[in-house]
Amino acid sequence: MKEIKFRLFGNILGGEMHVAEVNVNGEVITPNYSLNDSLLTVPLKNPLQPKDTITLSMDFELEVPQSVELNYGVQAYYDDVLALAHAYPMIAVYDDEGWNAEIPPQSGDVTYADMSFFIVTVEAPKGVTLVGSGREINHNESGNRQTVRYEAGPVRDFYLAASPEYEVFTKEVDGVTLRFYTRDYLQAGAESALDVAARAIEVYGKRYAPYPYTELDFVSTPTYALGIEYPGMIAITEWIVEPDQFYLEGTVAHEVGHQWFYNLVGNDQLDDPWLDESLTQFATLQYFTDTYGQSGSAGFRQDLEGRWNSIGQEEIPVGLPVKEYSNEEYSGIVYGRGGLFFEALREEMGEENFDVFIKNYVKNNAWDIATPEKLQTAAEAQCGCNLTPIFEKWIFP
């Protein structure tokens, strides 16, 4: 490996990220920039051999936008809430395609990441409530400042949110601590969301694999999306944090599902968005089925059908990259038709075979990157059948 590539997402999310003092094994290196300064390439004087290691360090600063107009406000300071997603130079994934680097479309997720371990120390004003990925290991206060150390991993990203307005509401379920950080007047909605999360962890734990961490945090933010998933953390838009709010239960169940499909089992979210979004929609369908029976199943299935109906049930392949869909098609196909595909696949395989297949798929791809080929191969291995016709009908162009 003759170079290492980093993504500087701040430069395409409405802010500015500047890097300085790039060092490889203590030696200063001059990096190169491309993709509107969102890709930093660090050349290596000595190519990195398999199983060798290097120590790479850099200084960076980020100017955060004060609006939520770009990419749903994942990186912004707005209405007394600081949301810091992808706020550091992220190593790009190197796979069979080489380095994965492109300017992501606005309609989908921006990252595609391997698992990493993080140790993050945050210094902030004392009156601000901080919420970070992983576990809070140390918390010290001095004067009007606080210093907090987080450790997280394996995770695909590190997320930090902060607000002087946050209060925390807590629930315990099966050894997992659930917390919702939001404004005090939203307590009823936060507690309702935690109840949904507890049920979802139970459903997905039985159907796929145990939840992989000891904590799951929720934060309310002024994001344009209903919810956004991060490893061990979920951002929920503030306006739906109300008990019995129509969107709240479905959004929480969906985002909790991403802890299995996106985080535990990773995928290329730009080229294969259906592997996390469509599968998580199906997981949400299973949540409603297991929680409410046939009426719950029918209700959420109606939502999937409604999304597909919004584009006239066009039989556009589910397995396209994000950039090949319009915004309407992305919602209708990946979130609608894609969820219905897994229902059709279950019917084709038989429910018992399907349930075993999906557990094995999670087990064999945990902490790794899944591909469409891996999913189809795992399904065919379980049922002993040729599933190419159904994949060609629904998934592949």
Protein backbone atom coordinates (compact mmCIF):
# COMPACT_ATOMS: atom_id res chain seq x y z
CA MET A 1 0.00 0.00 0.00
CA LYS A 2 1.68 3.17 -1.23
CA GLU A 3 -0.78 5.66 0.25
CA ILE A 4 -3.57 6.08 2.82
CA LYS A 5 -6.74 8.00 1.98
CA PHE A 6 -8.86 9.94 4.47
CA ARG A 7 -12.30 11.46 4.04
CA LEU A 8 -12.73 15.07 5.23
CA PHE A 9 -16.52 15.15 5.26
CA GLY A 10 -16.64 18.58 6.86
CA ASN A 11 -15.64 20.10 3.51
CA ILE A 12 -18.78 18.79 1.78
CA LEU A 13 -21.24 19.11 4.68
CA GLY A 14 -21.37 22.89 4.73
CA GLY A 15 -18.39 23.57 6.99
CA GLU A 16 -14.63 23.62 6.60
CA MET A 17 -12.00 21.13 7.76
CA HIS A 18 -8.31 22.01 7.70
CA VAL A 19 -5.49 19.52 8.30
CA ALA A 20 -1.90 20.26 9.35
CA GLU A 21 1.19 18.48 10.65
CA VAL A 22 0.63 15.13 8.96
CA ASN A 23 3.22 12.68 10.33
CA VAL A 24 3.99 9.08 9.38
CA ASN A 25 6.15 7.32 11.98
CA GLY A 26 7.25 10.75 13.21
CA GLU A 27 8.22 12.10 9.79
CA VAL A 28 6.33 15.06 8.29
CA ILE A 29 4.48 14.18 5.07
CA THR A 30 2.86 16.55 2.57
CA PRO A 31 -0.61 15.24 1.66
CA ASN A 32 -2.64 15.77 -1.50
CA TYR A 33 -6.26 16.94 -1.74
CA SER A 34 -9.06 16.11 -4.18
CA LEU A 35 -12.86 15.75 -4.41
CA ASN A 36 -13.46 19.36 -3.33
CA ASP A 37 -10.91 18.91 -0.53
CA SER A 38 -12.96 16.03 0.92
CA LEU A 39 -10.29 13.43 0.13
CA LEU A 40 -6.87 13.63 1.77
CA THR A 41 -4.21 11.33 0.32
CA VAL A 42 -1.14 10.64 2.46
CA PRO A 43 1.72 9.20 0.36
CA LEU A 44 3.96 6.67 2.07
CA LYS A 45 7.71 6.80 1.45
CA ASN A 46 7.93 3.10 2.25
CA PRO A 47 4.98 1.01 1.01
CA LEU A 48 3.02 -0.61 3.81
CA GLN A 49 3.24 -4.39 3.60
CA PRO A 50 0.50 -6.82 4.73
CA LYS A 51 0.41 -7.13 8.55
CA ASP A 52 2.85 -4.25 8.97
CA THR A 53 1.83 -1.18 10.97
CA ILE A 54 2.47 2.54 10.89
CA THR A 55 1.70 5.38 13.28
CA LEU A 56 0.01 8.26 11.50
CA SER A 57 -0.91 11.51 13.21
CA MET A 58 -2.27 14.89 12.18
CA ASP A 59 -3.79 18.07 13.57
CA PHE A 60 -7.13 19.21 12.23
CA GLU A 61 -9.75 21.81 12.93
CA LEU A 62 -13.40 21.91 11.90
CA GLU A 63 -15.66 24.89 11.39
CA VAL A 64 -19.21 23.63 11.87
CA PRO A 65 -22.14 25.03 9.84
CA GLN A 66 -24.94 26.75 11.74
CA SER A 67 -27.72 25.33 9.59
CA VAL A 68 -29.20 21.87 8.95
CA GLU A 69 -29.70 22.17 5.22
CA LEU A 70 -26.97 19.79 3.98
CA ASN A 71 -27.18 16.02 4.50
CA TYR A 72 -29.96 16.30 7.07
CA GLY A 73 -27.87 18.36 9.48
CA VAL A 74 -25.63 15.50 10.61
CA GLN A 75 -22.82 17.99 11.28
CA ALA A 76 -24.15 21.30 12.57
CA TYR A 77 -24.66 23.69 15.47
CA TYR A 78 -28.29 24.77 15.53
CA ASP A 79 -30.89 25.61 18.18
CA ASP A 80 -28.44 25.02 21.05
CA VAL A 81 -27.53 21.53 19.82
CA LEU A 82 -24.11 20.56 18.44
CA ALA A 83 -24.17 17.43 16.25
CA LEU A 84 -20.78 16.09 15.24
CA ALA A 85 -21.01 13.15 12.87
CA HIS A 86 -17.95 12.19 10.81
CA ALA A 87 -16.19 15.19 12.35
CA TYR A 88 -12.64 13.84 12.05
CA PRO A 89 -10.52 12.54 9.13
CA MET A 90 -11.99 9.07 8.46
CA ILE A 91 -9.90 6.38 6.78
CA ALA A 92 -11.59 5.35 3.54
CA VAL A 93 -12.39 1.68 2.99
CA TYR A 94 -9.95 -0.26 0.82
CA ASP A 95 -11.63 -3.29 -0.78
CA ASP A 96 -11.70 -5.18 -4.09
CA GLU A 97 -12.53 -1.88 -5.82
CA GLY A 98 -9.50 -0.16 -4.29
CA TRP A 99 -9.99 2.98 -2.20
CA ASN A 100 -13.66 3.90 -1.90
CA ALA A 101 -13.90 7.65 -2.30
CA GLU A 102 -16.55 9.78 -3.98
CA ILE A 103 -18.70 12.80 -3.24
CA PRO A 104 -21.87 11.17 -1.88
CA PRO A 105 -25.34 12.09 -3.13
CA GLN A 106 -27.41 14.25 -0.77
CA SER A 107 -30.25 11.73 -0.53
CA GLY A 108 -28.36 8.86 1.15
CA ASP A 109 -25.76 8.12 3.79
CA VAL A 110 -22.36 9.71 3.28
CA THR A 111 -20.06 7.11 4.84
CA TYR A 112 -18.78 3.62 4.14
CA ALA A 113 -16.49 2.54 6.95
CA ASP A 114 -14.60 -0.38 8.44
CA MET A 115 -14.65 -1.19 12.13
CA SER A 116 -12.31 0.83 14.35
CA PHE A 117 -11.50 1.45 17.99
CA PHE A 118 -11.68 4.99 19.39
CA ILE A 119 -10.27 6.76 22.42
CA VAL A 120 -11.63 10.31 22.42
CA THR A 121 -11.06 13.05 24.98
CA VAL A 122 -13.45 16.00 24.90
CA GLU A 123 -12.94 19.30 26.69
CA ALA A 124 -16.02 21.52 26.87
CA PRO A 125 -17.78 24.15 28.99
CA LYS A 126 -19.04 22.74 32.29
CA GLY A 127 -22.69 23.62 31.60
CA VAL A 128 -22.92 21.49 28.44
CA THR A 129 -24.22 17.92 28.49
CA LEU A 130 -22.03 15.70 26.29
CA VAL A 131 -23.11 12.45 24.65
CA GLY A 132 -20.49 10.36 22.87
CA SER A 133 -20.21 6.97 21.21
CA GLY A 134 -19.09 4.06 23.35
CA ARG A 135 -18.66 4.37 27.11
CA GLU A 136 -17.74 7.35 29.25
CA ILE A 137 -14.58 6.24 31.06
CA ASN A 138 -13.52 9.42 32.90
CA HIS A 139 -15.24 12.70 33.73
CA ASN A 140 -13.33 15.51 35.44
CA GLU A 141 -14.32 19.10 36.15
CA SER A 142 -12.07 22.07 36.81
CA GLY A 143 -13.38 25.60 37.13
CA ASN A 144 -15.88 26.18 34.35
CA ARG A 145 -14.52 23.38 32.16
CA GLN A 146 -15.09 19.62 31.95
CA THR A 147 -12.99 16.87 30.38
CA VAL A 148 -14.58 13.58 29.34
CA ARG A 149 -12.90 10.48 27.95
CA TYR A 150 -14.82 8.03 25.75
CA GLU A 151 -13.77 4.59 24.57
CA ALA A 152 -15.66 2.89 21.76
CA GLY A 153 -15.20 -0.12 19.56
CA PRO A 154 -15.47 -2.04 17.45
CA VAL A 155 -17.62 0.66 15.79
CA ARG A 156 -17.79 2.14 12.30
CA ASP A 157 -17.91 5.79 13.37
CA PHE A 158 -17.62 8.07 16.38
CA TYR A 159 -20.48 10.46 17.06
CA LEU A 160 -20.68 13.30 19.54
CA ALA A 161 -23.65 15.50 20.46
CA ALA A 162 -23.77 18.32 23.00
CA SER A 163 -26.32 20.77 24.36
CA PRO A 164 -26.88 22.85 27.49
CA GLU A 165 -30.56 21.91 27.15
CA TYR A 166 -30.22 18.14 27.45
CA GLU A 167 -31.77 16.17 30.30
CA VAL A 168 -31.29 12.40 30.40
CA PHE A 169 -33.94 9.70 30.80
CA THR A 170 -32.86 6.10 31.40
CA LYS A 171 -34.18 2.56 31.07
CA GLU A 172 -32.48 -0.82 31.64
CA VAL A 173 -33.22 -3.90 29.53
CA ASP A 174 -31.40 -7.24 29.53
CA GLY A 175 -28.13 -5.76 30.76
CA VAL A 176 -28.26 -2.84 28.31
CA THR A 177 -28.56 0.75 29.53
CA LEU A 178 -30.82 2.86 27.31
CA ARG A 179 -30.60 6.65 27.59
CA PHE A 180 -32.48 9.43 25.84
CA TYR A 181 -30.97 12.93 25.94
CA THR A 182 -33.46 15.66 25.11
CA ARG A 183 -35.16 18.78 26.50
CA ASP A 184 -37.01 18.30 29.78
CA TYR A 185 -40.48 19.00 28.38
CA LEU A 186 -40.07 16.02 26.00
CA GLN A 187 -39.76 13.51 28.85
CA ALA A 188 -42.95 11.61 27.98
CA GLY A 189 -41.87 11.17 24.36
CA ALA A 190 -38.36 10.14 25.40
CA GLU A 191 -39.68 7.48 27.77
CA SER A 192 -42.03 6.21 25.07
CA ALA A 193 -39.07 5.94 22.67
CA LEU A 194 -37.06 4.00 25.26
CA ASP A 195 -39.94 1.53 25.64
CA VAL A 196 -39.90 0.97 21.87
CA ALA A 197 -36.12 0.57 21.89
CA ALA A 198 -36.32 -2.02 24.66
CA ARG A 199 -38.86 -4.08 22.70
CA ALA A 200 -36.81 -3.73 19.50
CA ILE A 201 -33.61 -4.95 21.18
CA GLU A 202 -35.52 -7.99 22.43
CA VAL A 203 -37.01 -8.77 19.00
CA TYR A 204 -33.78 -8.30 17.05
CA GLY A 205 -31.74 -10.08 19.70
CA LYS A 206 -33.85 -13.19 19.29
CA ARG A 207 -34.12 -13.03 15.52
CA TYR A 208 -30.57 -12.01 14.55
CA ALA A 209 -27.97 -11.82 17.34
CA PRO A 210 -27.62 -10.27 20.80
CA TYR A 211 -27.20 -6.49 20.85
CA PRO A 212 -23.40 -6.08 20.76
CA TYR A 213 -22.88 -3.30 23.33
CA THR A 214 -23.83 -2.47 26.93
CA GLU A 215 -25.34 0.94 26.11
CA LEU A 216 -27.59 2.53 23.49
CA ASP A 217 -27.98 6.31 23.55
CA PHE A 218 -30.57 8.50 21.86
CA VAL A 219 -30.25 12.24 21.31
CA SER A 220 -32.83 14.65 19.95
CA THR A 221 -31.36 16.95 17.32
CA PRO A 222 -32.80 19.38 14.76
CA THR A 223 -31.96 16.95 11.95
CA TYR A 224 -34.03 17.03 8.76
CA ALA A 225 -34.25 13.22 8.86
CA LEU A 226 -36.66 11.45 11.19
CA GLY A 227 -33.74 9.49 12.61
CA ILE A 228 -30.09 8.77 11.85
CA GLU A 229 -28.12 5.74 12.98
CA TYR A 230 -24.67 5.70 14.53
CA PRO A 231 -22.94 2.82 16.34
CA GLY A 232 -24.49 2.60 19.78
CA MET A 233 -26.15 5.99 19.25
CA ILE A 234 -29.23 7.25 17.44
CA ALA A 235 -30.24 10.83 16.58
CA ILE A 236 -34.00 11.47 16.51
CA THR A 237 -35.48 14.66 15.14
CA GLU A 238 -36.96 16.66 17.98
CA TRP A 239 -40.45 17.23 16.59
CA ILE A 240 -41.44 13.55 16.71
CA VAL A 241 -40.40 13.03 20.35
CA GLU A 242 -43.99 12.88 21.58
CA PRO A 243 -45.87 9.89 23.03
CA ASP A 244 -48.17 8.27 20.47
CA GLN A 245 -46.58 10.37 17.72
CA PHE A 246 -47.26 8.51 14.48
CA TYR A 247 -43.62 8.51 13.34
CA LEU A 248 -41.89 7.88 16.66
CA GLU A 249 -42.31 4.11 17.04
CA GLY A 250 -41.47 3.24 13.45
CA THR A 251 -38.46 5.56 13.43
CA VAL A 252 -37.02 4.22 16.70
CA ALA A 253 -37.59 0.58 15.68
CA HIS A 254 -35.92 1.24 12.30
CA GLU A 255 -32.90 3.04 13.73
CA VAL A 256 -32.38 0.39 16.40
CA GLY A 257 -32.42 -2.18 13.58
CA HIS A 258 -29.44 -0.40 12.05
CA GLN A 259 -27.36 -1.49 15.03
CA TRP A 260 -27.46 -4.89 13.32
CA PHE A 261 -27.62 -3.86 9.65
CA TYR A 262 -25.10 -1.07 9.02
CA ASN A 263 -23.05 -1.40 12.18
CA LEU A 264 -22.67 -5.04 13.25
CA VAL A 265 -22.98 -6.19 9.63
CA GLY A 266 -21.49 -3.47 7.46
CA ASN A 267 -21.96 -2.71 3.79
CA ASP A 268 -21.12 -0.16 1.13
CA GLN A 269 -23.90 2.31 1.91
CA LEU A 270 -23.32 4.28 -1.27
CA ASP A 271 -23.18 1.37 -3.75
CA ASP A 272 -25.42 -1.15 -1.93
CA PRO A 273 -27.80 0.91 0.23
CA TRP A 274 -30.40 -1.87 0.18
CA LEU A 275 -28.18 -4.14 2.27
CA ASP A 276 -28.75 -1.91 5.30
CA GLU A 277 -31.82 0.21 4.52
CA SER A 278 -34.06 -2.40 2.86
CA LEU A 279 -33.06 -5.10 5.33
CA THR A 280 -33.66 -2.73 8.23
CA GLN A 281 -37.11 -1.92 6.83
CA PHE A 282 -37.83 -5.66 6.86
CA ALA A 283 -36.46 -5.89 10.40
CA THR A 284 -38.88 -3.11 11.36
CA LEU A 285 -41.68 -5.15 9.80
CA GLN A 286 -40.64 -8.07 11.99
CA TYR A 287 -40.64 -5.77 15.04
CA PHE A 288 -44.25 -4.76 14.39
CA THR A 289 -45.22 -8.37 13.68
CA ASP A 290 -43.65 -9.73 16.87
CA THR A 291 -44.97 -6.84 18.99
CA TYR A 292 -48.52 -6.47 17.70
CA GLY A 293 -49.25 -9.61 15.69
CA GLN A 294 -51.00 -9.56 12.34
CA SER A 295 -52.42 -6.07 12.77
CA GLY A 296 -48.94 -4.65 13.40
CA SER A 297 -47.55 -6.51 10.42
CA ALA A 298 -50.32 -5.25 8.16
CA GLY A 299 -49.90 -1.69 9.38
CA PHE A 300 -46.18 -1.43 8.65
CA ARG A 301 -46.50 -3.40 5.44
CA GLN A 302 -48.93 -0.72 4.32
CA ASP A 303 -46.17 1.83 4.89
CA LEU A 304 -43.76 -0.18 2.67
CA GLU A 305 -46.41 -0.49 -0.03
CA GLY A 306 -47.23 3.20 0.26
CA ARG A 307 -43.63 4.17 -0.42
CA TRP A 308 -43.52 1.94 -3.49
CA ASN A 309 -46.94 3.16 -4.62
CA SER A 310 -45.66 6.75 -4.47
CA ILE A 311 -43.67 6.03 -7.63
CA GLY A 312 -46.38 3.93 -9.27
CA GLN A 313 -44.88 0.57 -8.19
CA GLU A 314 -42.23 0.91 -10.87
CA GLU A 315 -40.09 -2.23 -10.97
CA ILE A 316 -36.80 -0.37 -10.66
CA PRO A 317 -34.05 -2.66 -9.32
CA VAL A 318 -33.53 -2.44 -5.56
CA GLY A 319 -29.78 -3.05 -5.85
CA LEU A 320 -28.65 0.19 -7.54
CA PRO A 321 -26.20 2.71 -6.04
CA VAL A 322 -27.74 5.73 -4.31
CA LYS A 323 -26.61 8.05 -7.10
CA GLU A 324 -28.72 6.21 -9.69
CA TYR A 325 -32.02 6.99 -7.94
CA SER A 326 -33.94 10.24 -7.80
CA ASN A 327 -34.95 11.27 -4.28
CA GLU A 328 -38.44 9.87 -4.85
CA GLU A 329 -37.10 6.62 -6.30
CA TYR A 330 -34.66 6.18 -3.42
CA SER A 331 -37.50 6.31 -0.91
CA GLY A 332 -39.91 4.26 -2.99
CA ILE A 333 -37.47 1.54 -4.04
CA VAL A 334 -34.88 1.16 -1.28
CA TYR A 335 -37.25 1.86 1.64
CA GLY A 336 -40.41 0.46 0.07
CA ARG A 337 -39.88 -2.18 -2.58
CA GLY A 338 -36.65 -3.32 -0.89
CA GLY A 339 -38.43 -4.15 2.35
CA LEU A 340 -41.05 -6.10 0.42
CA PHE A 341 -38.28 -8.05 -1.36
CA PHE A 342 -37.23 -9.71 1.89
CA GLU A 343 -40.83 -10.72 2.50
CA ALA A 344 -40.89 -12.29 -1.00
CA LEU A 345 -37.54 -13.97 -0.32
CA ARG A 346 -38.92 -15.47 2.92
CA GLU A 347 -41.89 -16.83 1.03
CA GLU A 348 -39.62 -18.32 -1.65
CA MET A 349 -37.26 -19.95 0.87
CA GLY A 350 -39.84 -20.91 3.48
CA GLU A 351 -40.05 -19.16 6.84
CA GLU A 352 -37.96 -21.68 8.77
CA ASN A 353 -35.14 -21.63 6.20
CA PHE A 354 -35.28 -17.85 6.02
CA ASP A 355 -34.99 -17.41 9.80
CA VAL A 356 -31.94 -19.70 9.94
CA PHE A 357 -30.39 -17.97 6.92
CA ILE A 358 -30.69 -14.47 8.39
CA LYS A 359 -29.14 -15.57 11.70
CA ASN A 360 -26.25 -17.20 9.89
CA TYR A 361 -25.83 -14.15 7.65
CA VAL A 362 -25.45 -11.92 10.71
CA LYS A 363 -23.14 -14.38 12.50
CA ASN A 364 -20.83 -14.90 9.52
CA ASN A 365 -20.59 -11.21 8.60
CA ALA A 366 -20.48 -9.69 12.08
CA TRP A 367 -17.90 -6.88 12.44
CA ASP A 368 -17.17 -7.22 8.71
CA ILE A 369 -18.47 -5.97 5.35
CA ALA A 370 -21.29 -7.85 3.62
CA THR A 371 -21.99 -7.79 -0.13
CA PRO A 372 -25.01 -8.71 -2.26
CA GLU A 373 -23.17 -11.84 -3.35
CA LYS A 374 -22.56 -12.91 0.25
CA LEU A 375 -26.25 -12.47 1.07
CA GLN A 376 -27.48 -14.47 -1.93
CA THR A 377 -24.90 -17.21 -1.37
CA ALA A 378 -25.91 -17.53 2.29
CA ALA A 379 -29.58 -17.74 1.36
CA GLU A 380 -28.99 -20.40 -1.32
CA ALA A 381 -26.79 -22.43 1.01
CA GLN A 382 -29.58 -22.58 3.57
CA CYS A 383 -32.45 -23.47 1.24
CA GLY A 384 -30.42 -25.57 -1.20
CA CYS A 385 -32.15 -23.76 -4.04
CA ASN A 386 -31.38 -21.43 -6.92
CA LEU A 387 -32.48 -17.91 -5.97
CA THR A 388 -31.08 -16.16 -9.03
CA PRO A 389 -34.56 -15.67 -10.58
CA ILE A 390 -35.96 -13.80 -7.57
CA PHE A 391 -32.80 -11.71 -7.18
CA GLU A 392 -32.92 -10.82 -10.88
CA LYS A 393 -36.59 -9.88 -10.57
CA TRP A 394 -36.16 -7.65 -7.54
CA ILE A 395 -32.50 -6.68 -6.95
CA PHE A 396 -30.12 -6.77 -9.88
CA PRO A 397 -30.44 -4.58 -12.98
